[in-house]
Protein backbone atom coordinates (compact mmCIF):
# COMPACT_ATOMS: atom_id res chain seq x y z
CA MET A 1 8.85 6.81 -39.66
CA SER A 2 8.44 3.41 -38.25
CA ASP A 3 7.90 1.60 -41.62
CA GLN A 4 11.30 2.79 -43.01
CA PRO A 5 13.22 -0.25 -44.35
CA HIS A 6 15.91 -1.23 -41.91
CA VAL A 7 19.41 -2.17 -42.84
CA LEU A 8 21.96 -3.66 -40.42
CA ILE A 9 25.52 -2.89 -41.20
CA VAL A 10 28.04 -5.33 -39.79
CA GLU A 11 31.52 -3.89 -40.53
CA ASP A 12 34.58 -3.59 -38.34
CA GLU A 13 36.20 -0.56 -40.14
CA PRO A 14 34.62 2.71 -38.62
CA ALA A 15 35.05 4.74 -41.83
CA GLN A 16 33.36 2.08 -44.00
CA ARG A 17 30.49 1.87 -41.46
CA GLU A 18 29.93 5.55 -41.46
CA VAL A 19 29.98 5.84 -45.25
CA LEU A 20 27.49 3.06 -45.68
CA SER A 21 25.21 4.40 -42.87
CA TYR A 22 25.40 7.97 -44.33
CA ASN A 23 24.49 6.86 -47.83
CA LEU A 24 21.78 4.41 -46.78
CA GLU A 25 20.15 7.02 -44.56
CA ALA A 26 20.28 9.60 -47.31
CA GLU A 27 18.23 7.13 -49.40
CA GLY A 28 15.56 6.83 -46.77
CA PHE A 29 16.70 3.83 -44.96
CA ARG A 30 16.99 3.29 -41.19
CA THR A 31 20.32 1.82 -40.21
CA THR A 32 21.89 0.09 -37.22
CA LYS A 33 25.58 -0.73 -36.95
CA ALA A 34 27.59 -3.55 -35.51
CA GLU A 35 31.40 -3.64 -35.32
CA ASP A 36 31.89 -7.30 -35.04
CA GLY A 37 30.13 -10.62 -35.76
CA GLU A 38 29.04 -11.24 -32.09
CA GLN A 39 27.43 -7.85 -31.94
CA GLY A 40 25.81 -8.34 -35.25
CA LEU A 41 24.12 -11.55 -34.22
CA LEU A 42 22.89 -9.87 -30.94
CA MET A 43 21.50 -6.86 -32.92
CA VAL A 44 19.57 -9.19 -35.29
CA GLU A 45 17.87 -10.68 -32.22
CA GLU A 46 17.03 -7.36 -30.73
CA ASP A 47 15.81 -5.59 -33.83
CA ALA A 48 15.42 -7.75 -36.93
CA PRO A 49 16.51 -5.95 -40.12
CA ASP A 50 15.02 -6.12 -43.53
CA VAL A 51 18.56 -6.49 -45.15
CA ILE A 52 22.02 -7.12 -43.75
CA VAL A 53 25.22 -5.71 -45.16
CA LEU A 54 27.87 -8.10 -43.81
CA ASP A 55 31.64 -7.89 -44.03
CA TRP A 56 33.44 -11.20 -44.46
CA MET A 57 36.49 -10.42 -42.23
CA LEU A 58 35.26 -9.66 -38.79
CA PRO A 59 36.71 -9.97 -35.30
CA ASN A 60 35.21 -12.57 -32.82
CA VAL A 61 32.88 -14.15 -35.27
CA SER A 62 33.57 -14.09 -38.90
CA GLY A 63 31.05 -12.89 -41.51
CA ILE A 64 30.73 -16.38 -43.03
CA GLU A 65 29.92 -17.83 -39.55
CA VAL A 66 27.33 -15.09 -38.92
CA CYS A 67 25.87 -15.80 -42.24
CA ARG A 68 25.72 -19.57 -41.63
CA GLN A 69 24.10 -19.13 -38.17
CA LEU A 70 21.43 -16.72 -39.50
CA LYS A 71 20.60 -18.93 -42.48
CA ASN A 72 20.22 -21.90 -40.21
CA ARG A 73 17.70 -20.29 -37.90
CA PRO A 74 14.02 -20.40 -39.04
CA ASP A 75 13.26 -16.84 -37.73
CA THR A 76 16.17 -15.27 -39.59
CA ARG A 77 16.84 -17.36 -42.66
CA THR A 78 14.79 -15.15 -44.96
CA ILE A 79 16.59 -11.95 -44.14
CA PRO A 80 18.73 -11.11 -47.28
CA ILE A 81 22.39 -10.92 -46.60
CA ILE A 82 24.76 -8.90 -48.88
CA MET A 83 28.36 -10.05 -48.17
CA LEU A 84 31.22 -7.60 -48.55
CA SER A 85 34.71 -8.99 -49.09
CA ALA A 86 38.16 -8.03 -50.38
CA ARG A 87 38.38 -11.63 -51.59
CA SER A 88 37.70 -11.45 -55.29
CA GLU A 89 38.56 -15.11 -56.15
CA GLU A 90 35.76 -17.09 -57.61
CA VAL A 91 36.18 -19.84 -54.98
CA ASP A 92 35.58 -17.29 -52.16
CA LYS A 93 32.55 -15.90 -53.88
CA VAL A 94 31.08 -19.41 -54.36
CA ARG A 95 31.84 -20.21 -50.59
CA GLY A 96 30.05 -17.03 -49.59
CA LEU A 97 27.04 -17.80 -51.66
CA GLU A 98 26.92 -21.58 -50.66
CA THR A 99 26.87 -20.39 -46.99
CA GLY A 100 23.60 -18.63 -47.72
CA ALA A 101 24.59 -15.07 -48.66
CA ASP A 102 22.08 -13.55 -51.13
CA ASP A 103 24.57 -11.34 -52.95
CA TYR A 104 28.35 -10.88 -52.83
CA VAL A 105 30.15 -7.53 -53.39
CA VAL A 106 34.00 -7.34 -53.72
CA LYS A 107 35.83 -4.36 -52.09
CA PRO A 108 36.53 -1.70 -53.22
CA TYR A 109 33.07 -1.18 -54.45
CA ALA A 110 30.94 1.72 -55.89
CA VAL A 111 28.44 2.97 -53.22
CA ALA A 112 25.85 3.48 -55.85
CA GLU A 113 26.27 -0.14 -56.93
CA LEU A 114 25.85 -1.35 -53.32
CA MET A 115 22.71 0.84 -52.86
CA ALA A 116 21.21 -0.68 -56.01
CA ARG A 117 21.83 -4.20 -54.59
CA VAL A 118 20.19 -3.33 -51.26
CA ARG A 119 17.22 -2.09 -53.12
CA THR A 120 17.10 -5.37 -55.22
CA GLN A 121 17.06 -7.41 -51.96
CA LEU A 122 14.33 -5.19 -50.44
CA ARG A 123 12.15 -5.62 -53.53
CA ARG A 124 12.15 -9.32 -52.68
CA VAL A 125 11.19 -9.03 -48.99
CA ARG A 126 9.42 -5.70 -48.73
CA PRO A 127 8.03 -4.79 -52.12
CA SER A 128 6.07 -1.82 -50.82
CA THR A 129 9.24 0.08 -49.95
CA VAL A 130 10.23 0.30 -53.61
CA GLY A 131 6.85 1.40 -54.80
CA GLN A 132 5.50 -1.97 -56.06
CA VAL A 133 1.68 -2.50 -56.11
CA LEU A 134 0.71 -5.34 -53.77
CA SER A 135 -2.17 -7.75 -54.52
CA TYR A 136 -3.99 -10.28 -52.48
CA ASP A 137 -7.12 -11.89 -53.70
CA ASP A 138 -9.31 -8.92 -54.86
CA ILE A 139 -7.38 -6.33 -52.77
CA GLN A 140 -4.82 -4.12 -54.31
CA LEU A 141 -2.57 -1.69 -52.47
CA ASP A 142 -0.41 0.99 -54.14
CA SER A 143 2.32 2.13 -51.72
CA GLU A 144 3.23 5.17 -53.81
CA THR A 145 -0.26 6.68 -54.13
CA HIS A 146 -1.49 5.26 -50.85
CA ARG A 147 -4.61 3.87 -52.64
CA VAL A 148 -6.29 0.62 -51.53
CA THR A 149 -9.08 -0.99 -53.70
CA ARG A 150 -11.16 -4.14 -53.10
CA ALA A 151 -13.05 -5.46 -56.09
CA ASP A 152 -12.31 -2.21 -57.87
CA THR A 153 -13.80 -0.08 -55.14
CA GLU A 154 -11.57 2.45 -53.44
CA LEU A 155 -11.29 1.97 -49.69
CA LYS A 156 -10.50 4.78 -47.25
CA LEU A 157 -7.86 3.72 -44.60
CA GLY A 158 -6.29 5.65 -41.86
CA PRO A 159 -2.43 5.85 -41.93
CA THR A 160 -2.07 3.21 -39.21
CA GLU A 161 -4.53 0.74 -40.94
CA PHE A 162 -2.75 1.24 -44.25
CA ARG A 163 0.65 0.35 -42.64
CA LEU A 164 -0.96 -2.73 -41.07
CA LEU A 165 -2.46 -3.76 -44.36
CA THR A 166 0.93 -3.24 -46.18
CA THR A 167 2.65 -5.41 -43.55
CA PHE A 168 0.06 -8.23 -44.04
CA MET A 169 0.09 -8.01 -47.83
CA GLU A 170 3.94 -8.19 -48.07
CA LYS A 171 3.81 -11.65 -46.40
CA PRO A 172 0.39 -13.24 -46.85
CA GLY A 173 -0.08 -16.19 -44.57
CA ARG A 174 2.62 -15.18 -42.07
CA VAL A 175 1.43 -14.91 -38.52
CA TRP A 176 2.41 -11.59 -36.81
CA SER A 177 2.38 -11.31 -33.15
CA ARG A 178 1.07 -8.08 -31.48
CA GLU A 179 4.64 -7.03 -30.51
CA GLN A 180 5.99 -7.61 -34.05
CA LEU A 181 3.14 -5.53 -35.41
CA LEU A 182 3.86 -2.74 -32.88
CA ASP A 183 7.54 -2.72 -33.88
CA ARG A 184 6.78 -2.67 -37.71
CA VAL A 185 3.76 -0.35 -37.66
CA TRP A 186 4.28 1.98 -34.68
CA GLY A 187 8.04 1.74 -34.29
CA ARG A 188 10.28 0.45 -31.49
CA ASP A 189 10.76 3.75 -29.82
CA ILE A 190 7.05 4.43 -29.22
CA TYR A 191 5.27 2.83 -26.29
CA VAL A 192 1.83 1.66 -27.34
CA ASP A 193 -0.26 -0.91 -25.37
CA THR A 194 -0.68 -4.20 -27.37
CA ARG A 195 -4.49 -3.88 -27.07
CA THR A 196 -4.14 -0.84 -29.51
CA VAL A 197 -3.24 -3.41 -32.17
CA ASP A 198 -6.58 -5.14 -31.64
CA VAL A 199 -8.37 -1.77 -32.02
CA HIS A 200 -6.72 -0.94 -35.31
CA ILE A 201 -7.16 -4.54 -36.60
CA GLY A 202 -10.78 -4.11 -35.87
CA ARG A 203 -10.94 -0.86 -37.87
CA LEU A 204 -9.04 -2.44 -40.76
CA ARG A 205 -11.46 -5.37 -40.87
CA LYS A 206 -14.44 -2.98 -40.93
CA VAL A 207 -13.09 -1.13 -44.01
CA LEU A 208 -12.07 -4.33 -45.85
CA THR A 209 -15.52 -5.83 -45.37
CA SER A 210 -17.47 -2.57 -46.21
CA THR A 211 -17.74 -3.71 -49.87
CA GLY A 212 -19.40 -6.98 -48.87
CA GLY A 213 -16.30 -9.11 -49.14
CA GLU A 214 -15.22 -11.74 -46.51
CA ASP A 215 -12.85 -10.73 -43.74
CA PRO A 216 -9.38 -11.71 -44.96
CA VAL A 217 -7.62 -11.07 -41.63
CA ARG A 218 -7.31 -14.19 -39.50
CA THR A 219 -6.89 -14.21 -35.72
CA VAL A 220 -4.52 -17.07 -34.57
CA ARG A 221 -5.26 -17.69 -30.98
CA GLY A 222 -2.30 -17.18 -28.66
CA ALA A 223 -0.10 -16.03 -31.60
CA GLY A 224 -1.48 -12.94 -33.36
CA TYR A 225 -2.91 -12.15 -36.82
CA ALA A 226 -2.40 -13.19 -40.42
CA LEU A 227 -3.76 -12.40 -43.87
CA GLY A 228 -5.37 -15.42 -45.24
């Protein structure tokens, strides 16, 4: 499924990487793995994750430096970072959080606790993945029941249009390029022509305006589409 939440694990210990990956995938997440900071930064560029689980002590580029670089870049600063560290001193925790980490977990940790923290961060950036009802203006989307209503009238959306609307409603106002929508809605491994996006946007607009409301999807010339 292309709309699975994506977690990048940056951890140099193979056993830790595998345990994290196994448990996250068992919970329905898609995972990618990097074994050092340099590789982690590269993987964020290639396939931006929803959440990053980042070890502090890494070869080549440290976790703190990875965190600092990602939080200084406009395109990656909103990705939540959960930092893992054997450093339990308060001063280290403060340093990690001051560098921009969104959460800090001390090793050894309980896997169940880490899973809960990943879900907490996801709730912030992709609320639909944890079953929250999304609202925008008079449109409501329930990701668990797959129901969409506008002005209390139920709308019938196809699965692709539903995923498109979910993507827009999670970040109203954000402009999505066709390529970004292809990655998020269709998946990176599927080849689809970018014009297909326009076709499905057209279908989505038709359904959204079928109740007489204005078209909430905005075309941004040369950039893509946005909600509102």
